[in-house]
C-alpha cells in the first residue's frame, strides 16, 4: 500500500484546490480589513499574509494552487472594492489602497521562486518528508 503522502488522486487534488481558493477568499477579507491599519504596518502585514499563503499554496498543490489562491484573492478584493454598502469605502483611492490592490502580484512573485525550494528531494532527502518512502 502506498503511503498517504504519495496518493494524489483527482479528489484529493480537487479538495486542495478548493482549499486554496477558500484561503484566497479569507486572505482577501483579512488583508482588506488590515491594509489601512497604522501605515505602513497594516500593508506590510497584509503582504506578509498574502506571501505566506502563496508559499503554502505552491508547496501544497503547485502552480494550480497559486492560481486558485490568486483567483479567490482577486475576486474578494475586487468585490470589496466595488460593492459597497451605502457610500462606505473599504479600499480608498489613496496610495495604500492602490498598493493593496496590487497585492495579488505578491502571489506572482512567489511563483517566480525556483521549484527546488518547494521540493523535498532537492534538499537531499531521497525518501521524501519525514523519512517516508
C-alpha atoms as a PDB file:
ATOM      1  CA  UNK A   1       0.000   0.000   0.000  1.00  0.00           C
ATOM      2  CA  UNK A   2       1.351   3.437  -0.971  1.00  0.00           C
ATOM      3  CA  UNK A   3       1.983   5.994   1.763  1.00  0.00           C
ATOM      4  CA  UNK A   4      -0.736   8.597   2.190  1.00  0.00           C
ATOM      5  CA  UNK A   5       1.621  11.436   1.240  1.00  0.00           C
ATOM      6  CA  UNK A   6       2.095   9.958  -2.258  1.00  0.00           C
ATOM      7  CA  UNK A   7      -1.589   9.485  -3.084  1.00  0.00           C
ATOM      8  CA  UNK A   8      -2.677  12.421  -5.232  1.00  0.00           C
ATOM      9  CA  UNK A   9      -5.902  11.301  -6.832  1.00  0.00           C
ATOM     10  CA  UNK A  10      -8.264  13.717  -8.547  1.00  0.00           C
ATOM     11  CA  UNK A  11     -10.444  14.055  -5.463  1.00  0.00           C
ATOM     12  CA  UNK A  12      -7.545  14.965  -3.229  1.00  0.00           C
ATOM     13  CA  UNK A  13      -6.114  17.500  -5.691  1.00  0.00           C
ATOM     14  CA  UNK A  14      -9.581  18.984  -6.200  1.00  0.00           C
ATOM     15  CA  UNK A  15     -10.054  19.348  -2.462  1.00  0.00           C
ATOM     16  CA  UNK A  16      -6.673  21.041  -2.162  1.00  0.00           C
ATOM     17  CA  UNK A  17      -7.563  23.439  -4.984  1.00  0.00           C
ATOM     18  CA  UNK A  18     -10.831  24.306  -3.251  1.00  0.00           C
ATOM     19  CA  UNK A  19      -8.842  24.843  -0.063  1.00  0.00           C
ATOM     20  CA  UNK A  20      -6.509  27.231  -1.877  1.00  0.00           C
ATOM     21  CA  UNK A  21      -9.498  29.091  -3.313  1.00  0.00           C
ATOM     22  CA  UNK A  22     -11.058  29.396   0.157  1.00  0.00           C
ATOM     23  CA  UNK A  23      -7.705  30.512   1.552  1.00  0.00           C
ATOM     24  CA  UNK A  24      -7.556  33.231  -1.117  1.00  0.00           C
ATOM     25  CA  UNK A  25     -11.007  34.458  -0.091  1.00  0.00           C
ATOM     26  CA  UNK A  26     -10.041  34.513   3.589  1.00  0.00           C
ATOM     27  CA  UNK A  27      -6.737  36.288   2.917  1.00  0.00           C
ATOM     28  CA  UNK A  28      -8.573  38.816   0.746  1.00  0.00           C
ATOM     29  CA  UNK A  29     -11.040  39.624   3.517  1.00  0.00           C
ATOM     30  CA  UNK A  30      -8.375  39.839   6.231  1.00  0.00           C
ATOM     31  CA  UNK A  31      -5.932  41.800   4.083  1.00  0.00           C
ATOM     32  CA  UNK A  32      -8.608  44.269   3.042  1.00  0.00           C
ATOM     33  CA  UNK A  33      -9.513  44.744   6.679  1.00  0.00           C
ATOM     34  CA  UNK A  34      -5.986  45.417   7.920  1.00  0.00           C
ATOM     35  CA  UNK A  35      -4.275  47.120   4.975  1.00  0.00           C
ATOM     36  CA  UNK A  36      -5.045  50.615   6.324  1.00  0.00           C
ATOM     37  CA  UNK A  37      -4.039  49.805   9.888  1.00  0.00           C
ATOM     38  CA  UNK A  38      -1.329  52.192  11.116  1.00  0.00           C
ATOM     39  CA  UNK A  39       0.581  52.702   7.833  1.00  0.00           C
ATOM     40  CA  UNK A  40       2.894  51.101   6.800  1.00  0.00           C
ATOM     41  CA  UNK A  41       2.403  48.282   9.330  1.00  0.00           C
ATOM     42  CA  UNK A  42      -1.013  47.263   8.002  1.00  0.00           C
ATOM     43  CA  UNK A  43       0.001  46.903   4.369  1.00  0.00           C
ATOM     44  CA  UNK A  44       3.144  45.014   5.377  1.00  0.00           C
ATOM     45  CA  UNK A  45       1.086  42.584   7.462  1.00  0.00           C
ATOM     46  CA  UNK A  46      -1.344  42.149   4.574  1.00  0.00           C
ATOM     47  CA  UNK A  47       1.507  41.475   2.126  1.00  0.00           C
ATOM     48  CA  UNK A  48       3.098  39.020   4.558  1.00  0.00           C
ATOM     49  CA  UNK A  49      -0.216  37.177   4.820  1.00  0.00           C
ATOM     50  CA  UNK A  50      -0.521  37.010   1.028  1.00  0.00           C
ATOM     51  CA  UNK A  51       3.080  35.844   0.610  1.00  0.00           C
ATOM     52  CA  UNK A  52       2.815  33.130   3.273  1.00  0.00           C
ATOM     53  CA  UNK A  53      -0.452  31.831   1.825  1.00  0.00           C
ATOM     54  CA  UNK A  54       1.124  31.780  -1.652  1.00  0.00           C
ATOM     55  CA  UNK A  55       4.041  29.727  -0.337  1.00  0.00           C
ATOM     56  CA  UNK A  56       1.558  27.335   1.276  1.00  0.00           C
ATOM     57  CA  UNK A  57      -0.460  27.006  -1.941  1.00  0.00           C
ATOM     58  CA  UNK A  58       2.654  26.437  -4.048  1.00  0.00           C
ATOM     59  CA  UNK A  59       4.074  23.825  -1.693  1.00  0.00           C
ATOM     60  CA  UNK A  60       0.713  22.100  -1.308  1.00  0.00           C
ATOM     61  CA  UNK A  61      -0.561  21.918  -4.890  1.00  0.00           C
ATOM     62  CA  UNK A  62       1.920  23.733  -7.120  1.00  0.00           C
ATOM     63  CA  UNK A  63       1.171  26.357  -9.741  1.00  0.00           C
ATOM     64  CA  UNK A  64      -2.510  25.403  -9.922  1.00  0.00           C
ATOM     65  CA  UNK A  65      -2.848  26.070  -6.210  1.00  0.00           C
ATOM     66  CA  UNK A  66      -1.338  29.501  -6.634  1.00  0.00           C
ATOM     67  CA  UNK A  67      -3.789  30.243  -9.444  1.00  0.00           C
ATOM     68  CA  UNK A  68      -6.700  29.171  -7.229  1.00  0.00           C
ATOM     69  CA  UNK A  69      -5.361  31.328  -4.395  1.00  0.00           C
ATOM     70  CA  UNK A  70      -4.947  34.311  -6.726  1.00  0.00           C
ATOM     71  CA  UNK A  71      -8.478  33.819  -8.113  1.00  0.00           C
ATOM     72  CA  UNK A  72     -10.009  33.823  -4.627  1.00  0.00           C
ATOM     73  CA  UNK A  73      -7.913  36.773  -3.542  1.00  0.00           C
ATOM     74  CA  UNK A  74      -8.615  38.822  -6.659  1.00  0.00           C
ATOM     75  CA  UNK A  75     -12.355  38.090  -6.614  1.00  0.00           C
ATOM     76  CA  UNK A  76     -12.678  39.011  -2.949  1.00  0.00           C
ATOM     77  CA  UNK A  77     -10.601  42.188  -3.118  1.00  0.00           C
ATOM     78  CA  UNK A  78     -12.371  43.214  -6.322  1.00  0.00           C
ATOM     79  CA  UNK A  79     -15.791  42.634  -4.795  1.00  0.00           C
ATOM     80  CA  UNK A  80     -14.860  44.541  -1.643  1.00  0.00           C
ATOM     81  CA  UNK A  81     -13.533  47.401  -3.771  1.00  0.00           C
ATOM     82  CA  UNK A  82     -16.573  47.935  -5.962  1.00  0.00           C
ATOM     83  CA  UNK A  83     -19.508  46.525  -3.990  1.00  0.00           C
ATOM     84  CA  UNK A  84     -20.143  48.990  -1.203  1.00  0.00           C
ATOM     85  CA  UNK A  85     -22.821  49.111   1.468  1.00  0.00           C
ATOM     86  CA  UNK A  86     -24.214  52.635   1.092  1.00  0.00           C
ATOM     87  CA  UNK A  87     -21.473  55.190   0.500  1.00  0.00           C
ATOM     88  CA  UNK A  88     -18.891  53.470   2.697  1.00  0.00           C
ATOM     89  CA  UNK A  89     -15.439  52.957   1.174  1.00  0.00           C
ATOM     90  CA  UNK A  90     -13.390  49.938   2.223  1.00  0.00           C
ATOM     91  CA  UNK A  91     -10.456  50.454  -0.143  1.00  0.00           C
ATOM     92  CA  UNK A  92      -9.886  54.200  -0.529  1.00  0.00           C
ATOM     93  CA  UNK A  93      -8.462  55.932  -3.595  1.00  0.00           C
ATOM     94  CA  UNK A  94      -5.152  56.534  -1.814  1.00  0.00           C
ATOM     95  CA  UNK A  95      -1.645  55.140  -2.184  1.00  0.00           C
ATOM     96  CA  UNK A  96      -2.187  52.446   0.454  1.00  0.00           C
ATOM     97  CA  UNK A  97      -5.420  51.367  -1.272  1.00  0.00           C
ATOM     98  CA  UNK A  98      -3.716  51.065  -4.648  1.00  0.00           C
ATOM     99  CA  UNK A  99      -0.828  49.217  -3.013  1.00  0.00           C
ATOM    100  CA  UNK A 100      -3.274  46.689  -1.572  1.00  0.00           C
ATOM    101  CA  UNK A 101      -4.972  46.244  -4.949  1.00  0.00           C
ATOM    102  CA  UNK A 102      -1.564  45.300  -6.341  1.00  0.00           C
ATOM    103  CA  UNK A 103      -1.161  42.762  -3.520  1.00  0.00           C
ATOM    104  CA  UNK A 104      -2.190  39.879  -5.755  1.00  0.00           C
ATOM    105  CA  UNK A 105       1.115  40.429  -7.542  1.00  0.00           C
ATOM    106  CA  UNK A 106       2.851  39.110  -4.403  1.00  0.00           C
ATOM    107  CA  UNK A 107       1.406  35.705  -5.336  1.00  0.00           C
ATOM    108  CA  UNK A 108       3.107  36.050  -8.706  1.00  0.00           C
ATOM    109  CA  UNK A 109       6.426  36.829  -7.043  1.00  0.00           C
ATOM    110  CA  UNK A 110       6.254  33.553  -5.144  1.00  0.00           C
ATOM    111  CA  UNK A 111       5.577  31.875  -8.481  1.00  0.00           C
ATOM    112  CA  UNK A 112       8.959  33.115  -9.707  1.00  0.00           C
ATOM    113  CA  UNK A 113      10.815  31.283  -6.950  1.00  0.00           C
ATOM    114  CA  UNK A 114      12.644  28.155  -8.108  1.00  0.00           C
ATOM    115  CA  UNK A 115      10.748  24.883  -7.919  1.00  0.00           C
ATOM    116  CA  UNK A 116      13.531  23.248  -5.881  1.00  0.00           C
ATOM    117  CA  UNK A 117      12.560  25.451  -2.911  1.00  0.00           C
ATOM    118  CA  UNK A 118       9.296  23.502  -2.714  1.00  0.00           C
ATOM    119  CA  UNK A 119      10.638  20.019  -3.474  1.00  0.00           C
ATOM    120  CA  UNK A 120      11.693  17.663  -0.675  1.00  0.00           C
ATOM    121  CA  UNK A 121      14.014  15.717  -2.964  1.00  0.00           C
ATOM    122  CA  UNK A 122      16.045  18.833  -3.763  1.00  0.00           C
ATOM    123  CA  UNK A 123      17.018  19.046  -0.098  1.00  0.00           C
ATOM    124  CA  UNK A 124      18.927  15.801  -0.283  1.00  0.00           C
ATOM    125  CA  UNK A 125      16.202  13.647   1.251  1.00  0.00           C
ATOM    126  CA  UNK A 126      15.602  10.903  -1.315  1.00  0.00           C
ATOM    127  CA  UNK A 127      12.991   9.251   0.883  1.00  0.00           C
ATOM    128  CA  UNK A 128      10.659  12.292   1.000  1.00  0.00           C
ATOM    129  CA  UNK A 129       9.229  14.142   4.002  1.00  0.00           C
ATOM    130  CA  UNK A 130       9.526  12.725   7.490  1.00  0.00           C
ATOM    131  CA  UNK A 131      11.530   9.724   6.340  1.00  0.00           C
ATOM    132  CA  UNK A 132       8.644   8.107   4.459  1.00  0.00           C
ATOM    133  CA  UNK A 133       9.399   6.363   1.144  1.00  0.00           C
END
